[in-house]
PDB file of N, CA and C in Angstrom:
ATOM      1  N   MET A   1     105.571 111.868  81.371  1.00  0.00           N
ATOM      2  CA  MET A   1     106.442 111.146  82.285  1.00  0.00           C
ATOM      3  C   MET A   1     105.994 111.475  83.705  1.00  0.00           C
ATOM      4  N   GLN A   2     105.903 110.471  84.515  1.00  0.00           N
ATOM      5  CA  GLN A   2     105.365 110.575  85.864  1.00  0.00           C
ATOM      6  C   GLN A   2     106.490 110.491  86.890  1.00  0.00           C
ATOM      7  N   ASN A   3     106.389 111.251  87.979  1.00  0.00           N
ATOM      8  CA  ASN A   3     107.310 111.128  89.107  1.00  0.00           C
ATOM      9  C   ASN A   3     106.713 110.160  90.108  1.00  0.00           C
ATOM     10  N   MET A   4     107.541 109.248  90.626  1.00  0.00           N
ATOM     11  CA  MET A   4     107.086 108.250  91.597  1.00  0.00           C
ATOM     12  C   MET A   4     108.082 108.155  92.734  1.00  0.00           C
ATOM     13  N   THR A   5     107.667 107.484  93.806  1.00  0.00           N
ATOM     14  CA  THR A   5     108.552 107.129  94.909  1.00  0.00           C
ATOM     15  C   THR A   5     108.597 105.605  94.989  1.00  0.00           C
ATOM     16  N   VAL A   6     109.503 105.092  95.799  1.00  0.00           N
ATOM     17  CA  VAL A   6     109.569 103.640  95.996  1.00  0.00           C
ATOM     18  C   VAL A   6     108.255 103.141  96.600  1.00  0.00           C
ATOM     19  N   GLN A   7     107.686 103.879  97.546  1.00  0.00           N
ATOM     20  CA  GLN A   7     106.393 103.476  98.108  1.00  0.00           C
ATOM     21  C   GLN A   7     105.320 103.456  97.018  1.00  0.00           C
ATOM     22  N   GLY A   8     105.357 104.419  96.103  1.00  0.00           N
ATOM     23  CA  GLY A   8     104.403 104.444  94.998  1.00  0.00           C
ATOM     24  C   GLY A   8     104.526 103.223  94.103  1.00  0.00           C
ATOM     25  N   ILE A   9     105.751 102.716  93.948  1.00  0.00           N
ATOM     26  CA  ILE A   9     105.952 101.497  93.155  1.00  0.00           C
ATOM     27  C   ILE A   9     105.231 100.335  93.827  1.00  0.00           C
ATOM     28  N   GLN A  10     105.355 100.235  95.153  1.00  0.00           N
ATOM     29  CA  GLN A  10     104.637  99.167  95.845  1.00  0.00           C
ATOM     30  C   GLN A  10     103.129  99.304  95.626  1.00  0.00           C
ATOM     31  N   ASP A  11     102.614 100.516  95.690  1.00  0.00           N
ATOM     32  CA  ASP A  11     101.184 100.730  95.481  1.00  0.00           C
ATOM     33  C   ASP A  11     100.751 100.240  94.099  1.00  0.00           C
ATOM     34  N   VAL A  12     101.555 100.517  93.080  1.00  0.00           N
ATOM     35  CA  VAL A  12     101.236 100.072  91.715  1.00  0.00           C
ATOM     36  C   VAL A  12     101.269  98.547  91.629  1.00  0.00           C
ATOM     37  N   ILE A  13     102.281  97.927  92.234  1.00  0.00           N
ATOM     38  CA  ILE A  13     102.368  96.456  92.215  1.00  0.00           C
ATOM     39  C   ILE A  13     101.157  95.853  92.922  1.00  0.00           C
ATOM     40  N   LEU A  14     100.781  96.414  94.071  1.00  0.00           N
ATOM     41  CA  LEU A  14      99.681  95.849  94.855  1.00  0.00           C
ATOM     42  C   LEU A  14      98.322  96.013  94.181  1.00  0.00           C
ATOM     43  N   GLN A  15      98.225  96.871  93.175  1.00  0.00           N
ATOM     44  CA  GLN A  15      96.972  96.984  92.421  1.00  0.00           C
ATOM     45  C   GLN A  15      96.598  95.656  91.778  1.00  0.00           C
ATOM     46  N   THR A  16      97.579  94.771  91.565  1.00  0.00           N
ATOM     47  CA  THR A  16      97.318  93.472  90.931  1.00  0.00           C
ATOM     48  C   THR A  16      96.939  92.402  91.948  1.00  0.00           C
ATOM     49  N   GLN A  17      96.911  92.746  93.248  1.00  0.00           N
ATOM     50  CA  GLN A  17      96.692  91.762  94.307  1.00  0.00           C
ATOM     51  C   GLN A  17      95.359  91.982  95.013  1.00  0.00           C
ATOM     52  N   GLU A  18      94.794  90.931  95.555  1.00  0.00           N
ATOM     53  CA  GLU A  18      93.604  91.067  96.395  1.00  0.00           C
ATOM     54  C   GLU A  18      93.980  91.672  97.746  1.00  0.00           C
ATOM     55  N   ASP A  19      95.090  91.209  98.332  1.00  0.00           N
ATOM     56  CA  ASP A  19      95.574  91.727  99.612  1.00  0.00           C
ATOM     57  C   ASP A  19      96.483  92.918  99.332  1.00  0.00           C
ATOM     58  N   LYS A  20      96.030  94.111  99.662  1.00  0.00           N
ATOM     59  CA  LYS A  20      96.781  95.327  99.369  1.00  0.00           C
ATOM     60  C   LYS A  20      97.525  95.861 100.599  1.00  0.00           C
ATOM     61  N   THR A  21      97.741  95.000 101.588  1.00  0.00           N
ATOM     62  CA  THR A  21      98.459  95.376 102.802  1.00  0.00           C
ATOM     63  C   THR A  21      99.911  95.691 102.465  1.00  0.00           C
ATOM     64  N   PRO A  22     100.419  96.874 102.870  1.00  0.00           N
ATOM     65  CA  PRO A  22     101.832  97.177 102.614  1.00  0.00           C
ATOM     66  C   PRO A  22     102.739  96.133 103.269  1.00  0.00           C
ATOM     67  N   ARG A  23     103.757  95.725 102.544  1.00  0.00           N
ATOM     68  CA  ARG A  23     104.732  94.743 103.028  1.00  0.00           C
ATOM     69  C   ARG A  23     106.133  95.267 102.718  1.00  0.00           C
ATOM     70  N   ASP A  24     107.124  94.692 103.400  1.00  0.00           N
ATOM     71  CA  ASP A  24     108.501  95.047 103.068  1.00  0.00           C
ATOM     72  C   ASP A  24     108.744  94.747 101.595  1.00  0.00           C
ATOM     73  N   MET A  25     109.574  95.571 100.967  1.00  0.00           N
ATOM     74  CA  MET A  25     109.887  95.372  99.552  1.00  0.00           C
ATOM     75  C   MET A  25     111.405  95.408  99.379  1.00  0.00           C
ATOM     76  N   TYR A  26     111.921  94.404  98.710  1.00  0.00           N
ATOM     77  CA  TYR A  26     113.362  94.289  98.483  1.00  0.00           C
ATOM     78  C   TYR A  26     113.727  94.970  97.181  1.00  0.00           C
ATOM     79  N   ILE A  27     114.846  95.691  97.211  1.00  0.00           N
ATOM     80  CA  ILE A  27     115.308  96.488  96.076  1.00  0.00           C
ATOM     81  C   ILE A  27     116.710  96.018  95.720  1.00  0.00           C
ATOM     82  N   HIS A  28     116.914  95.663  94.461  1.00  0.00           N
ATOM     83  CA  HIS A  28     118.228  95.223  93.985  1.00  0.00           C
ATOM     84  C   HIS A  28     118.588  96.013  92.738  1.00  0.00           C
ATOM     85  N   LYS A  29     119.686  96.781  92.834  1.00  0.00           N
ATOM     86  CA  LYS A  29     120.152  97.574  91.695  1.00  0.00           C
ATOM     87  C   LYS A  29     121.232  96.798  90.959  1.00  0.00           C
ATOM     88  N   SER A  30     121.140  96.775  89.652  1.00  0.00           N
ATOM     89  CA  SER A  30     122.114  96.084  88.813  1.00  0.00           C
ATOM     90  C   SER A  30     122.982  97.120  88.106  1.00  0.00           C
ATOM     91  N   PRO A  31     124.303  97.092  88.344  1.00  0.00           N
ATOM     92  CA  PRO A  31     125.175  98.068  87.687  1.00  0.00           C
ATOM     93  C   PRO A  31     125.382  97.733  86.212  1.00  0.00           C
ATOM     94  N   CYS A  32     125.718  98.754  85.446  1.00  0.00           N
ATOM     95  CA  CYS A  32     126.087  98.530  84.043  1.00  0.00           C
ATOM     96  C   CYS A  32     127.321  99.381  83.753  1.00  0.00           C
ATOM     97  N   ALA A  33     127.550  99.743  82.519  1.00  0.00           N
ATOM     98  CA  ALA A  33     128.754 100.469  82.117  1.00  0.00           C
ATOM     99  C   ALA A  33     128.967 101.726  82.959  1.00  0.00           C
ATOM    100  N   ASP A  34     130.210 102.015  83.250  1.00  0.00           N
ATOM    101  CA  ASP A  34     130.612 103.210  83.995  1.00  0.00           C
ATOM    102  C   ASP A  34     129.964 103.298  85.374  1.00  0.00           C
ATOM    103  N   ASN A  35     129.681 102.148  85.992  1.00  0.00           N
ATOM    104  CA  ASN A  35     129.086 102.087  87.333  1.00  0.00           C
ATOM    105  C   ASN A  35     127.745 102.808  87.451  1.00  0.00           C
ATOM    106  N   GLU A  36     127.051 102.967  86.347  1.00  0.00           N
ATOM    107  CA  GLU A  36     125.701 103.523  86.362  1.00  0.00           C
ATOM    108  C   GLU A  36     124.715 102.402  86.672  1.00  0.00           C
ATOM    109  N   VAL A  37     123.563 102.749  87.204  1.00  0.00           N
ATOM    110  CA  VAL A  37     122.522 101.751  87.452  1.00  0.00           C
ATOM    111  C   VAL A  37     121.862 101.419  86.124  1.00  0.00           C
ATOM    112  N   GLY A  38     121.798 100.129  85.808  1.00  0.00           N
ATOM    113  CA  GLY A  38     121.179  99.707  84.555  1.00  0.00           C
ATOM    114  C   GLY A  38     119.743  99.283  84.736  1.00  0.00           C
ATOM    115  N   ALA A  39     119.484  98.473  85.754  1.00  0.00           N
ATOM    116  CA  ALA A  39     118.135  97.993  86.037  1.00  0.00           C
ATOM    117  C   ALA A  39     117.968  97.881  87.545  1.00  0.00           C
ATOM    118  N   VAL A  40     116.746  98.056  87.990  1.00  0.00           N
ATOM    119  CA  VAL A  40     116.426  97.911  89.409  1.00  0.00           C
ATOM    120  C   VAL A  40     115.271  96.921  89.509  1.00  0.00           C
ATOM    121  N   PHE A  41     115.420  95.925  90.385  1.00  0.00           N
ATOM    122  CA  PHE A  41     114.405  94.899  90.578  1.00  0.00           C
ATOM    123  C   PHE A  41     113.756  95.112  91.941  1.00  0.00           C
ATOM    124  N   PHE A  42     112.441  95.118  91.983  1.00  0.00           N
ATOM    125  CA  PHE A  42     111.670  95.272  93.214  1.00  0.00           C
ATOM    126  C   PHE A  42     110.865  93.997  93.439  1.00  0.00           C
ATOM    127  N   ALA A  43     110.857  93.473  94.657  1.00  0.00           N
ATOM    128  CA  ALA A  43     110.058  92.288  94.993  1.00  0.00           C
ATOM    129  C   ALA A  43     109.394  92.517  96.346  1.00  0.00           C
ATOM    130  N   ILE A  44     108.074  92.379  96.392  1.00  0.00           N
ATOM    131  CA  ILE A  44     107.334  92.544  97.639  1.00  0.00           C
ATOM    132  C   ILE A  44     107.379  91.229  98.405  1.00  0.00           C
ATOM    133  N   SER A  45     107.747  91.314  99.688  1.00  0.00           N
ATOM    134  CA  SER A  45     107.929  90.105 100.498  1.00  0.00           C
ATOM    135  C   SER A  45     106.634  89.320 100.648  1.00  0.00           C
ATOM    136  N   GLY A  46     106.806  88.028 100.838  1.00  0.00           N
ATOM    137  CA  GLY A  46     105.691  87.113 101.005  1.00  0.00           C
ATOM    138  C   GLY A  46     106.117  85.738 100.536  1.00  0.00           C
ATOM    139  N   THR A  47     105.307  84.751 100.810  1.00  0.00           N
ATOM    140  CA  THR A  47     105.594  83.395 100.351  1.00  0.00           C
ATOM    141  C   THR A  47     104.371  82.887  99.624  1.00  0.00           C
ATOM    142  N   PRO A  48     104.365  82.908  98.314  1.00  0.00           N
ATOM    143  CA  PRO A  48     105.399  83.435  97.416  1.00  0.00           C
ATOM    144  C   PRO A  48     105.402  84.963  97.443  1.00  0.00           C
ATOM    145  N   PRO A  49     106.435  85.601  96.846  1.00  0.00           N
ATOM    146  CA  PRO A  49     106.452  87.061  96.786  1.00  0.00           C
ATOM    147  C   PRO A  49     105.139  87.592  96.207  1.00  0.00           C
ATOM    148  N   MET A  50     104.723  88.768  96.684  1.00  0.00           N
ATOM    149  CA  MET A  50     103.411  89.317  96.338  1.00  0.00           C
ATOM    150  C   MET A  50     103.387  90.127  95.047  1.00  0.00           C
ATOM    151  N   GLY A  51     104.482  90.230  94.354  1.00  0.00           N
ATOM    152  CA  GLY A  51     104.531  90.973  93.102  1.00  0.00           C
ATOM    153  C   GLY A  51     105.923  91.517  92.871  1.00  0.00           C
ATOM    154  N   TYR A  52     106.161  91.927  91.647  1.00  0.00           N
ATOM    155  CA  TYR A  52     107.497  92.347  91.229  1.00  0.00           C
ATOM    156  C   TYR A  52     107.397  93.569  90.329  1.00  0.00           C
ATOM    157  N   ALA A  53     108.515  94.266  90.201  1.00  0.00           N
ATOM    158  CA  ALA A  53     108.645  95.319  89.198  1.00  0.00           C
ATOM    159  C   ALA A  53     110.105  95.396  88.791  1.00  0.00           C
ATOM    160  N   MET A  54     110.323  95.789  87.555  1.00  0.00           N
ATOM    161  CA  MET A  54     111.671  96.019  87.056  1.00  0.00           C
ATOM    162  C   MET A  54     111.692  97.414  86.443  1.00  0.00           C
ATOM    163  N   TYR A  55     112.678  98.211  86.867  1.00  0.00           N
ATOM    164  CA  TYR A  55     112.833  99.577  86.384  1.00  0.00           C
ATOM    165  C   TYR A  55     114.078  99.621  85.519  1.00  0.00           C
ATOM    166  N   LEU A  56     113.918  99.951  84.258  1.00  0.00           N
ATOM    167  CA  LEU A  56     115.036 100.056  83.322  1.00  0.00           C
ATOM    168  C   LEU A  56     115.340 101.530  83.123  1.00  0.00           C
ATOM    169  N   THR A  57     116.550 101.938  83.513  1.00  0.00           N
ATOM    170  CA  THR A  57     116.894 103.355  83.483  1.00  0.00           C
ATOM    171  C   THR A  57     117.210 103.833  82.075  1.00  0.00           C
ATOM    172  N   GLU A  58     116.874 105.092  81.853  1.00  0.00           N
ATOM    173  CA  GLU A  58     117.181 105.805  80.607  1.00  0.00           C
ATOM    174  C   GLU A  58     117.567 107.217  81.022  1.00  0.00           C
ATOM    175  N   GLY A  59     118.829 107.421  81.419  1.00  0.00           N
ATOM    176  CA  GLY A  59     119.236 108.697  82.000  1.00  0.00           C
ATOM    177  C   GLY A  59     118.673 108.789  83.408  1.00  0.00           C
ATOM    178  N   ASP A  60     118.033 109.931  83.743  1.00  0.00           N
ATOM    179  CA  ASP A  60     117.421 110.018  85.079  1.00  0.00           C
ATOM    180  C   ASP A  60     115.944 109.622  85.049  1.00  0.00           C
ATOM    181  N   MET A  61     115.471 109.160  83.913  1.00  0.00           N
ATOM    182  CA  MET A  61     114.109 108.632  83.772  1.00  0.00           C
ATOM    183  C   MET A  61     114.210 107.135  83.512  1.00  0.00           C
ATOM    184  N   GLY A  62     113.083 106.477  83.280  1.00  0.00           N
ATOM    185  CA  GLY A  62     113.130 105.059  82.975  1.00  0.00           C
ATOM    186  C   GLY A  62     111.756 104.495  82.693  1.00  0.00           C
ATOM    187  N   THR A  63     111.723 103.189  82.514  1.00  0.00           N
ATOM    188  CA  THR A  63     110.482 102.472  82.250  1.00  0.00           C
ATOM    189  C   THR A  63     110.290 101.428  83.338  1.00  0.00           C
ATOM    190  N   LEU A  64     109.123 101.452  83.970  1.00  0.00           N
ATOM    191  CA  LEU A  64     108.784 100.516  85.032  1.00  0.00           C
ATOM    192  C   LEU A  64     107.871  99.439  84.461  1.00  0.00           C
ATOM    193  N   HIS A  65     108.295  98.189  84.590  1.00  0.00           N
ATOM    194  CA  HIS A  65     107.507  97.034  84.157  1.00  0.00           C
ATOM    195  C   HIS A  65     106.992  96.359  85.424  1.00  0.00           C
ATOM    196  N   VAL A  66     105.679  96.225  85.560  1.00  0.00           N
ATOM    197  CA  VAL A  66     105.049  95.691  86.769  1.00  0.00           C
ATOM    198  C   VAL A  66     104.482  94.304  86.479  1.00  0.00           C
ATOM    199  N   PHE A  67     104.778  93.357  87.388  1.00  0.00           N
ATOM    200  CA  PHE A  67     104.346  91.966  87.237  1.00  0.00           C
ATOM    201  C   PHE A  67     103.559  91.547  88.476  1.00  0.00           C
ATOM    202  N   ASP A  68     102.576  90.664  88.292  1.00  0.00           N
ATOM    203  CA  ASP A  68     101.838  90.151  89.444  1.00  0.00           C
ATOM    204  C   ASP A  68     102.620  89.022  90.111  1.00  0.00           C
ATOM    205  N   ASN A  69     101.998  88.374  91.096  1.00  0.00           N
ATOM    206  CA  ASN A  69     102.708  87.359  91.879  1.00  0.00           C
ATOM    207  C   ASN A  69     103.000  86.083  91.103  1.00  0.00           C
ATOM    208  N   ILE A  70     102.414  85.880  89.929  1.00  0.00           N
ATOM    209  CA  ILE A  70     102.758  84.696  89.126  1.00  0.00           C
ATOM    210  C   ILE A  70     103.589  85.070  87.899  1.00  0.00           C
ATOM    211  N   GLY A  71     104.018  86.326  87.830  1.00  0.00           N
ATOM    212  CA  GLY A  71     104.938  86.735  86.786  1.00  0.00           C
ATOM    213  C   GLY A  71     104.312  87.290  85.525  1.00  0.00           C
ATOM    214  N   LEU A  72     102.998  87.522  85.522  1.00  0.00           N
ATOM    215  CA  LEU A  72     102.360  88.108  84.343  1.00  0.00           C
ATOM    216  C   LEU A  72     102.543  89.619  84.353  1.00  0.00           C
ATOM    217  N   LYS A  73     102.944  90.175  83.207  1.00  0.00           N
ATOM    218  CA  LYS A  73     103.144  91.621  83.120  1.00  0.00           C
ATOM    219  C   LYS A  73     101.786  92.306  83.164  1.00  0.00           C
ATOM    220  N   ARG A  74     101.644  93.283  84.063  1.00  0.00           N
ATOM    221  CA  ARG A  74     100.367  93.966  84.265  1.00  0.00           C
ATOM    222  C   ARG A  74     100.360  95.422  83.844  1.00  0.00           C
ATOM    223  N   LYS A  75     101.532  96.058  83.816  1.00  0.00           N
ATOM    224  CA  LYS A  75     101.553  97.484  83.520  1.00  0.00           C
ATOM    225  C   LYS A  75     102.955  97.892  83.089  1.00  0.00           C
ATOM    226  N   ILE A  76     103.020  98.880  82.203  1.00  0.00           N
ATOM    227  CA  ILE A  76     104.282  99.509  81.821  1.00  0.00           C
ATOM    228  C   ILE A  76     104.091 101.009  82.001  1.00  0.00           C
ATOM    229  N   MET A  77     105.032 101.647  82.705  1.00  0.00           N
ATOM    230  CA  MET A  77     104.936 103.083  82.974  1.00  0.00           C
ATOM    231  C   MET A  77     106.276 103.750  82.690  1.00  0.00           C
ATOM    232  N   HIS A  78     106.232 104.920  82.070  1.00  0.00           N
ATOM    233  CA  HIS A  78     107.431 105.738  81.908  1.00  0.00           C
ATOM    234  C   HIS A  78     107.440 106.704  83.085  1.00  0.00           C
ATOM    235  N   CYS A  79     108.533 106.672  83.871  1.00  0.00           N
ATOM    236  CA  CYS A  79     108.536 107.461  85.098  1.00  0.00           C
ATOM    237  C   CYS A  79     109.955 107.772  85.551  1.00  0.00           C
ATOM    238  N   ARG A  80     110.011 108.578  86.587  1.00  0.00           N
ATOM    239  CA  ARG A  80     111.240 108.876  87.315  1.00  0.00           C
ATOM    240  C   ARG A  80     110.964 108.509  88.767  1.00  0.00           C
ATOM    241  N   ILE A  81     111.889 107.777  89.399  1.00  0.00           N
ATOM    242  CA  ILE A  81     111.726 107.396  90.806  1.00  0.00           C
ATOM    243  C   ILE A  81     112.556 108.375  91.632  1.00  0.00           C
ATOM    244  N   SER A  82     111.879 109.324  92.258  1.00  0.00           N
ATOM    245  CA  SER A  82     112.560 110.453  92.891  1.00  0.00           C
ATOM    246  C   SER A  82     113.447 110.072  94.071  1.00  0.00           C
ATOM    247  N   ASP A  83     113.099 109.027  94.821  1.00  0.00           N
ATOM    248  CA  ASP A  83     113.886 108.681  96.011  1.00  0.00           C
ATOM    249  C   ASP A  83     114.761 107.442  95.821  1.00  0.00           C
ATOM    250  N   LEU A  84     114.950 106.987  94.599  1.00  0.00           N
ATOM    251  CA  LEU A  84     115.733 105.775  94.350  1.00  0.00           C
ATOM    252  C   LEU A  84     117.184 105.924  94.802  1.00  0.00           C
ATOM    253  N   GLY A  85     117.745 107.120  94.686  1.00  0.00           N
ATOM    254  CA  GLY A  85     119.135 107.362  95.052  1.00  0.00           C
ATOM    255  C   GLY A  85     119.451 107.129  96.522  1.00  0.00           C
ATOM    256  N   LYS A  86     118.455 107.184  97.389  1.00  0.00           N
ATOM    257  CA  LYS A  86     118.727 106.993  98.825  1.00  0.00           C
ATOM    258  C   LYS A  86     118.813 105.519  99.217  1.00  0.00           C
ATOM    259  N   TYR A  87     118.538 104.618  98.283  1.00  0.00           N
ATOM    260  CA  TYR A  87     118.613 103.180  98.560  1.00  0.00           C
ATOM    261  C   TYR A  87     119.933 102.611  98.062  1.00  0.00           C
ATOM    262  N   LYS A  88     120.486 101.664  98.830  1.00  0.00           N
ATOM    263  CA  LYS A  88     121.743 101.008  98.462  1.00  0.00           C
ATOM    264  C   LYS A  88     121.500 100.025  97.324  1.00  0.00           C
ATOM    265  N   ASP A  89     122.598  99.419  96.826  1.00  0.00           N
ATOM    266  CA  ASP A  89     122.488  98.460  95.719  1.00  0.00           C
ATOM    267  C   ASP A  89     121.594  97.278  96.058  1.00  0.00           C
ATOM    268  N   SER A  90     121.608  96.851  97.296  1.00  0.00           N
ATOM    269  CA  SER A  90     120.722  95.785  97.762  1.00  0.00           C
ATOM    270  C   SER A  90     120.126  96.282  99.075  1.00  0.00           C
ATOM    271  N   ASP A  91     118.842  96.602  99.063  1.00  0.00           N
ATOM    272  CA  ASP A  91     118.250  97.297 100.195  1.00  0.00           C
ATOM    273  C   ASP A  91     116.816  96.816 100.410  1.00  0.00           C
ATOM    274  N   LYS A  92     116.170  97.378 101.426  1.00  0.00           N
ATOM    275  CA  LYS A  92     114.790  97.003 101.725  1.00  0.00           C
ATOM    276  C   LYS A  92     113.998  98.252 102.070  1.00  0.00           C
ATOM    277  N   TRP A  93     112.829  98.388 101.460  1.00  0.00           N
ATOM    278  CA  TRP A  93     111.871  99.414 101.856  1.00  0.00           C
ATOM    279  C   TRP A  93     111.062  98.817 102.993  1.00  0.00           C
ATOM    280  N   ASP A  94     111.039  99.483 104.135  1.00  0.00           N
ATOM    281  CA  ASP A  94     110.431  98.951 105.355  1.00  0.00           C
ATOM    282  C   ASP A  94     108.998  99.456 105.504  1.00  0.00           C
ATOM    283  N   ALA A  95     108.033  98.587 105.290  1.00  0.00           N
ATOM    284  CA  ALA A  95     106.615  98.957 105.378  1.00  0.00           C
ATOM    285  C   ALA A  95     106.241  99.383 106.788  1.00  0.00           C
ATOM    286  N   GLN A  96     106.783  98.720 107.805  1.00  0.00           N
ATOM    287  CA  GLN A  96     106.438  99.032 109.193  1.00  0.00           C
ATOM    288  C   GLN A  96     106.910 100.435 109.568  1.00  0.00           C
ATOM    289  N   ALA A  97     108.105 100.818 109.126  1.00  0.00           N
ATOM    290  CA  ALA A  97     108.617 102.158 109.416  1.00  0.00           C
ATOM    291  C   ALA A  97     107.736 103.215 108.764  1.00  0.00           C
ATOM    292  N   THR A  98     107.261 102.939 107.576  1.00  0.00           N
ATOM    293  CA  THR A  98     106.385 103.874 106.881  1.00  0.00           C
ATOM    294  C   THR A  98     105.055 104.003 107.614  1.00  0.00           C
ATOM    295  N   LYS A  99     104.511 102.891 108.094  1.00  0.00           N
ATOM    296  CA  LYS A  99     103.262 102.938 108.868  1.00  0.00           C
ATOM    297  C   LYS A  99     103.451 103.790 110.120  1.00  0.00           C
ATOM    298  N   SER A 100     104.606 103.657 110.796  1.00  0.00           N
ATOM    299  CA  SER A 100     104.877 104.419 112.013  1.00  0.00           C
ATOM    300  C   SER A 100     104.941 105.911 111.719  1.00  0.00           C
ATOM    301  N   LEU A 101     105.559 106.277 110.602  1.00  0.00           N
ATOM    302  CA  LEU A 101     105.662 107.683 110.222  1.00  0.00           C
ATOM    303  C   LEU A 101     104.293 108.279 109.922  1.00  0.00           C
ATOM    304  N   LEU A 102     103.406 107.467 109.359  1.00  0.00           N
ATOM    305  CA  LEU A 102     102.071 107.942 109.006  1.00  0.00           C
ATOM    306  C   LEU A 102     101.106 107.898 110.185  1.00  0.00           C
ATOM    307  N   GLY A 103     101.547 107.292 111.299  1.00  0.00           N
ATOM    308  CA  GLY A 103     100.714 107.214 112.483  1.00  0.00           C
ATOM    309  C   GLY A 103      99.667 106.122 112.425  1.00  0.00           C
ATOM    310  N   ASP A 104      99.872 105.110 111.578  1.00  0.00           N
ATOM    311  CA  ASP A 104      98.918 103.993 111.464  1.00  0.00           C
ATOM    312  C   ASP A 104      99.128 102.980 112.559  1.00  0.00           C
TER     313      ASP A 104
END
């Protein structure tokens, strides 16, 4: 089982793309029984969106399903997303803020 971050999820999604430029990524958490998170949907911004991922939780671990920009499944990973808790139910990972922190 692998530990990942939200930024790492974008990196995995972008492996399926020719343009690997970091972009904003939208995060949508879907609640299930007892107000637990059941699934999390990630979409990289663009027209059309540049790729997707769906994270299905299993306790504090889960399975990440990665799709390219036309919806073909490209990868399945068993992982834990260490920083997922800091994101709201509907949120955005800001690529520009990350570039600023890294000094790019």
